[in-house]
Amino acid sequence: GDLLRWLKSRGEEYENALQYPDVIRVAINQEHVGHREKIAGAREIALFPPMTGG
């Protein structure tokens, strides 16, 4: 959740892409997790739907 909020503060494009955080799914190290999961030590974080188009 903190990461999504931080990304949203990075600019208008991010703010628009993240305006509905309840539909954003998150995976850490290729495993789907909830928005409260800690990201410390994560090697990969993915957001679905993808924010970069692929």
PDB file of N, CA and C in Angstrom:
ATOM      1  N   GLY A   1       0.807  -1.197   0.000  1.00  0.00           N
ATOM      2  CA  GLY A   1       0.000   0.000   0.000  1.00  0.00           C
ATOM      3  C   GLY A   1       0.850   1.262   0.000  1.00  0.00           C
ATOM      4  N   ASP A   2       1.912   1.260   0.800  1.00  0.00           N
ATOM      5  CA  ASP A   2       2.788   2.438   0.838  1.00  0.00           C
ATOM      6  C   ASP A   2       3.447   2.674  -0.519  1.00  0.00           C
ATOM      7  N   LEU A   3       3.860   1.594  -1.181  1.00  0.00           N
ATOM      8  CA  LEU A   3       4.479   1.732  -2.501  1.00  0.00           C
ATOM      9  C   LEU A   3       3.495   2.335  -3.494  1.00  0.00           C
ATOM     10  N   LEU A   4       2.259   1.871  -3.491  1.00  0.00           N
ATOM     11  CA  LEU A   4       1.256   2.419  -4.413  1.00  0.00           C
ATOM     12  C   LEU A   4       1.017   3.898  -4.140  1.00  0.00           C
ATOM     13  N   ARG A   5       0.956   4.272  -2.866  1.00  0.00           N
ATOM     14  CA  ARG A   5       0.777   5.690  -2.523  1.00  0.00           C
ATOM     15  C   ARG A   5       1.981   6.516  -2.969  1.00  0.00           C
ATOM     16  N   TRP A   6       3.186   5.978  -2.788  1.00  0.00           N
ATOM     17  CA  TRP A   6       4.393   6.697  -3.207  1.00  0.00           C
ATOM     18  C   TRP A   6       4.411   6.859  -4.722  1.00  0.00           C
ATOM     19  N   LEU A   7       4.111   5.788  -5.444  1.00  0.00           N
ATOM     20  CA  LEU A   7       4.076   5.881  -6.904  1.00  0.00           C
ATOM     21  C   LEU A   7       3.057   6.912  -7.369  1.00  0.00           C
ATOM     22  N   LYS A   8       1.914   6.938  -6.719  1.00  0.00           N
ATOM     23  CA  LYS A   8       0.866   7.884  -7.084  1.00  0.00           C
ATOM     24  C   LYS A   8       1.346   9.330  -6.945  1.00  0.00           C
ATOM     25  N   SER A   9       2.270   9.573  -6.046  1.00  0.00           N
ATOM     26  CA  SER A   9       2.789  10.933  -5.833  1.00  0.00           C
ATOM     27  C   SER A   9       3.866  11.313  -6.843  1.00  0.00           C
ATOM     28  N   ARG A  10       4.253  10.399  -7.724  1.00  0.00           N
ATOM     29  CA  ARG A  10       5.364  10.629  -8.652  1.00  0.00           C
ATOM     30  C   ARG A  10       4.973  11.417  -9.899  1.00  0.00           C
ATOM     31  N   GLY A  11       3.715  11.711 -10.064  1.00  0.00           N
ATOM     32  CA  GLY A  11       3.314  12.507 -11.215  1.00  0.00           C
ATOM     33  C   GLY A  11       1.903  12.173 -11.673  1.00  0.00           C
ATOM     34  N   GLU A  12       1.411  13.004 -12.550  1.00  0.00           N
ATOM     35  CA  GLU A  12       0.031  12.887 -13.013  1.00  0.00           C
ATOM     36  C   GLU A  12      -0.260  11.541 -13.681  1.00  0.00           C
ATOM     37  N   GLU A  13       0.693  11.026 -14.457  1.00  0.00           N
ATOM     38  CA  GLU A  13       0.478   9.744 -15.129  1.00  0.00           C
ATOM     39  C   GLU A  13       0.283   8.618 -14.120  1.00  0.00           C
ATOM     40  N   TYR A  14       1.121   8.601 -13.098  1.00  0.00           N
ATOM     41  CA  TYR A  14       0.987   7.585 -12.053  1.00  0.00           C
ATOM     42  C   TYR A  14      -0.311   7.781 -11.274  1.00  0.00           C
ATOM     43  N   GLU A  15      -0.622   9.030 -10.970  1.00  0.00           N
ATOM     44  CA  GLU A  15      -1.847   9.314 -10.228  1.00  0.00           C
ATOM     45  C   GLU A  15      -3.065   8.800 -10.990  1.00  0.00           C
ATOM     46  N   ASN A  16      -3.092   9.028 -12.300  1.00  0.00           N
ATOM     47  CA  ASN A  16      -4.203   8.538 -13.119  1.00  0.00           C
ATOM     48  C   ASN A  16      -4.235   7.014 -13.160  1.00  0.00           C
ATOM     49  N   ALA A  17      -3.081   6.389 -13.323  1.00  0.00           N
ATOM     50  CA  ALA A  17      -3.013   4.931 -13.422  1.00  0.00           C
ATOM     51  C   ALA A  17      -3.404   4.251 -12.118  1.00  0.00           C
ATOM     52  N   LEU A  18      -3.176   4.924 -10.997  1.00  0.00           N
ATOM     53  CA  LEU A  18      -3.429   4.321  -9.686  1.00  0.00           C
ATOM     54  C   LEU A  18      -4.646   4.902  -8.982  1.00  0.00           C
ATOM     55  N   GLN A  19      -5.533   5.536  -9.726  1.00  0.00           N
ATOM     56  CA  GLN A  19      -6.681   6.178  -9.081  1.00  0.00           C
ATOM     57  C   GLN A  19      -7.656   5.184  -8.463  1.00  0.00           C
ATOM     58  N   TYR A  20      -7.600   3.907  -8.866  1.00  0.00           N
ATOM     59  CA  TYR A  20      -8.456   2.874  -8.289  1.00  0.00           C
ATOM     60  C   TYR A  20      -7.584   1.751  -7.728  1.00  0.00           C
ATOM     61  N   PRO A  21      -6.928   1.973  -6.592  1.00  0.00           N
ATOM     62  CA  PRO A  21      -5.985   0.986  -6.065  1.00  0.00           C
ATOM     63  C   PRO A  21      -6.620  -0.357  -5.719  1.00  0.00           C
ATOM     64  N   ASP A  22      -7.932  -0.376  -5.488  1.00  0.00           N
ATOM     65  CA  ASP A  22      -8.575  -1.641  -5.126  1.00  0.00           C
ATOM     66  C   ASP A  22      -8.612  -2.637  -6.286  1.00  0.00           C
ATOM     67  N   VAL A  23      -8.375  -2.188  -7.523  1.00  0.00           N
ATOM     68  CA  VAL A  23      -8.339  -3.114  -8.667  1.00  0.00           C
ATOM     69  C   VAL A  23      -6.909  -3.475  -9.061  1.00  0.00           C
ATOM     70  N   ILE A  24      -5.921  -2.893  -8.391  1.00  0.00           N
ATOM     71  CA  ILE A  24      -4.517  -3.184  -8.676  1.00  0.00           C
ATOM     72  C   ILE A  24      -4.119  -4.437  -7.900  1.00  0.00           C
ATOM     73  N   ARG A  25      -3.618  -5.433  -8.604  1.00  0.00           N
ATOM     74  CA  ARG A  25      -3.086  -6.634  -7.951  1.00  0.00           C
ATOM     75  C   ARG A  25      -1.573  -6.500  -7.901  1.00  0.00           C
ATOM     76  N   VAL A  26      -0.979  -7.079  -6.883  1.00  0.00           N
ATOM     77  CA  VAL A  26       0.455  -6.963  -6.656  1.00  0.00           C
ATOM     78  C   VAL A  26       1.073  -8.350  -6.542  1.00  0.00           C
ATOM     79  N   ALA A  27       2.238  -8.504  -7.152  1.00  0.00           N
ATOM     80  CA  ALA A  27       3.017  -9.734  -6.981  1.00  0.00           C
ATOM     81  C   ALA A  27       4.412  -9.350  -6.517  1.00  0.00           C
ATOM     82  N   ILE A  28       4.907 -10.070  -5.528  1.00  0.00           N
ATOM     83  CA  ILE A  28       6.272  -9.891  -5.048  1.00  0.00           C
ATOM     84  C   ILE A  28       6.996 -11.199  -5.300  1.00  0.00           C
ATOM     85  N   ASN A  29       8.118 -11.091  -6.023  1.00  0.00           N
ATOM     86  CA  ASN A  29       8.903 -12.272  -6.386  1.00  0.00           C
ATOM     87  C   ASN A  29       8.006 -13.351  -7.014  1.00  0.00           C
ATOM     88  N   GLN A  30       7.144 -12.909  -7.931  1.00  0.00           N
ATOM     89  CA  GLN A  30       6.266 -13.768  -8.730  1.00  0.00           C
ATOM     90  C   GLN A  30       5.197 -14.488  -7.916  1.00  0.00           C
ATOM     91  N   GLU A  31       4.829 -13.923  -6.773  1.00  0.00           N
ATOM     92  CA  GLU A  31       3.766 -14.488  -5.941  1.00  0.00           C
ATOM     93  C   GLU A  31       2.766 -13.388  -5.601  1.00  0.00           C
ATOM     94  N   HIS A  32       1.486 -13.602  -5.939  1.00  0.00           N
ATOM     95  CA  HIS A  32       0.470 -12.597  -5.644  1.00  0.00           C
ATOM     96  C   HIS A  32       0.329 -12.421  -4.136  1.00  0.00           C
ATOM     97  N   VAL A  33       0.258 -11.148  -3.733  1.00  0.00           N
ATOM     98  CA  VAL A  33       0.169 -10.807  -2.312  1.00  0.00           C
ATOM     99  C   VAL A  33      -0.838  -9.677  -2.130  1.00  0.00           C
ATOM    100  N   GLY A  34      -1.218  -9.446  -0.891  1.00  0.00           N
ATOM    101  CA  GLY A  34      -2.100  -8.335  -0.564  1.00  0.00           C
ATOM    102  C   GLY A  34      -1.333  -7.030  -0.486  1.00  0.00           C
ATOM    103  N   HIS A  35      -2.074  -5.939  -0.431  1.00  0.00           N
ATOM    104  CA  HIS A  35      -1.450  -4.610  -0.393  1.00  0.00           C
ATOM    105  C   HIS A  35      -0.727  -4.333   0.924  1.00  0.00           C
ATOM    106  N   ARG A  36      -0.918  -5.157   1.933  1.00  0.00           N
ATOM    107  CA  ARG A  36      -0.255  -4.938   3.226  1.00  0.00           C
ATOM    108  C   ARG A  36       1.045  -5.733   3.359  1.00  0.00           C
ATOM    109  N   GLU A  37       1.378  -6.505   2.346  1.00  0.00           N
ATOM    110  CA  GLU A  37       2.600  -7.320   2.393  1.00  0.00           C
ATOM    111  C   GLU A  37       3.831  -6.419   2.426  1.00  0.00           C
ATOM    112  N   LYS A  38       4.818  -6.773   3.215  1.00  0.00           N
ATOM    113  CA  LYS A  38       6.062  -5.997   3.278  1.00  0.00           C
ATOM    114  C   LYS A  38       6.894  -6.265   2.021  1.00  0.00           C
ATOM    115  N   ILE A  39       7.571  -5.222   1.530  1.00  0.00           N
ATOM    116  CA  ILE A  39       8.371  -5.369   0.312  1.00  0.00           C
ATOM    117  C   ILE A  39       9.871  -5.420   0.595  1.00  0.00           C
ATOM    118  N   ALA A  40      10.257  -5.332   1.846  1.00  0.00           N
ATOM    119  CA  ALA A  40      11.682  -5.392   2.191  1.00  0.00           C
ATOM    120  C   ALA A  40      12.281  -6.695   1.667  1.00  0.00           C
ATOM    121  N   GLY A  41      13.371  -6.587   0.951  1.00  0.00           N
ATOM    122  CA  GLY A  41      14.059  -7.750   0.418  1.00  0.00           C
ATOM    123  C   GLY A  41      13.494  -8.273  -0.894  1.00  0.00           C
ATOM    124  N   ALA A  42      12.458  -7.626  -1.418  1.00  0.00           N
ATOM    125  CA  ALA A  42      11.861  -8.078  -2.678  1.00  0.00           C
ATOM    126  C   ALA A  42      12.847  -7.896  -3.828  1.00  0.00           C
ATOM    127  N   ARG A  43      12.928  -8.902  -4.690  1.00  0.00           N
ATOM    128  CA  ARG A  43      13.759  -8.801  -5.890  1.00  0.00           C
ATOM    129  C   ARG A  43      12.941  -8.286  -7.069  1.00  0.00           C
ATOM    130  N   GLU A  44      11.629  -8.523  -7.034  1.00  0.00           N
ATOM    131  CA  GLU A  44      10.766  -8.110  -8.135  1.00  0.00           C
ATOM    132  C   GLU A  44       9.389  -7.762  -7.579  1.00  0.00           C
ATOM    133  N   ILE A  45       8.860  -6.644  -8.018  1.00  0.00           N
ATOM    134  CA  ILE A  45       7.509  -6.242  -7.677  1.00  0.00           C
ATOM    135  C   ILE A  45       6.767  -5.970  -8.979  1.00  0.00           C
ATOM    136  N   ALA A  46       5.622  -6.599  -9.149  1.00  0.00           N
ATOM    137  CA  ALA A  46       4.829  -6.413 -10.372  1.00  0.00           C
ATOM    138  C   ALA A  46       3.446  -5.927  -9.993  1.00  0.00           C
ATOM    139  N   LEU A  47       2.923  -5.018 -10.810  1.00  0.00           N
ATOM    140  CA  LEU A  47       1.583  -4.501 -10.629  1.00  0.00           C
ATOM    141  C   LEU A  47       0.728  -4.948 -11.796  1.00  0.00           C
ATOM    142  N   PHE A  48      -0.488  -5.377 -11.505  1.00  0.00           N
ATOM    143  CA  PHE A  48      -1.409  -5.813 -12.535  1.00  0.00           C
ATOM    144  C   PHE A  48      -2.708  -5.028 -12.391  1.00  0.00           C
ATOM    145  N   PRO A  49      -3.271  -4.464 -13.420  1.00  0.00           N
ATOM    146  CA  PRO A  49      -2.744  -4.568 -14.777  1.00  0.00           C
ATOM    147  C   PRO A  49      -1.424  -3.818 -14.875  1.00  0.00           C
ATOM    148  N   PRO A  50      -0.562  -4.252 -15.815  1.00  0.00           N
ATOM    149  CA  PRO A  50       0.753  -3.610 -15.959  1.00  0.00           C
ATOM    150  C   PRO A  50       0.623  -2.125 -16.211  1.00  0.00           C
ATOM    151  N   MET A  51       1.466  -1.355 -15.535  1.00  0.00           N
ATOM    152  CA  MET A  51       1.401   0.097 -15.672  1.00  0.00           C
ATOM    153  C   MET A  51       2.143   0.595 -16.901  1.00  0.00           C
ATOM    154  N   THR A  52       3.018  -0.222 -17.473  1.00  0.00           N
ATOM    155  CA  THR A  52       3.795   0.237 -18.626  1.00  0.00           C
ATOM    156  C   THR A  52       3.276  -0.344 -19.928  1.00  0.00           C
ATOM    157  N   GLY A  53       2.179  -1.067 -19.875  1.00  0.00           N
ATOM    158  CA  GLY A  53       1.578  -1.592 -21.085  1.00  0.00           C
ATOM    159  C   GLY A  53       2.066  -2.970 -21.476  1.00  0.00           C
ATOM    160  N   GLY A  54       2.846  -3.617 -20.644  1.00  0.00           N
ATOM    161  CA  GLY A  54       3.267  -4.970 -21.015  1.00  0.00           C
ATOM    162  C   GLY A  54       4.230  -5.572 -20.050  1.00  0.00           C
TER     163      GLY A  54
END
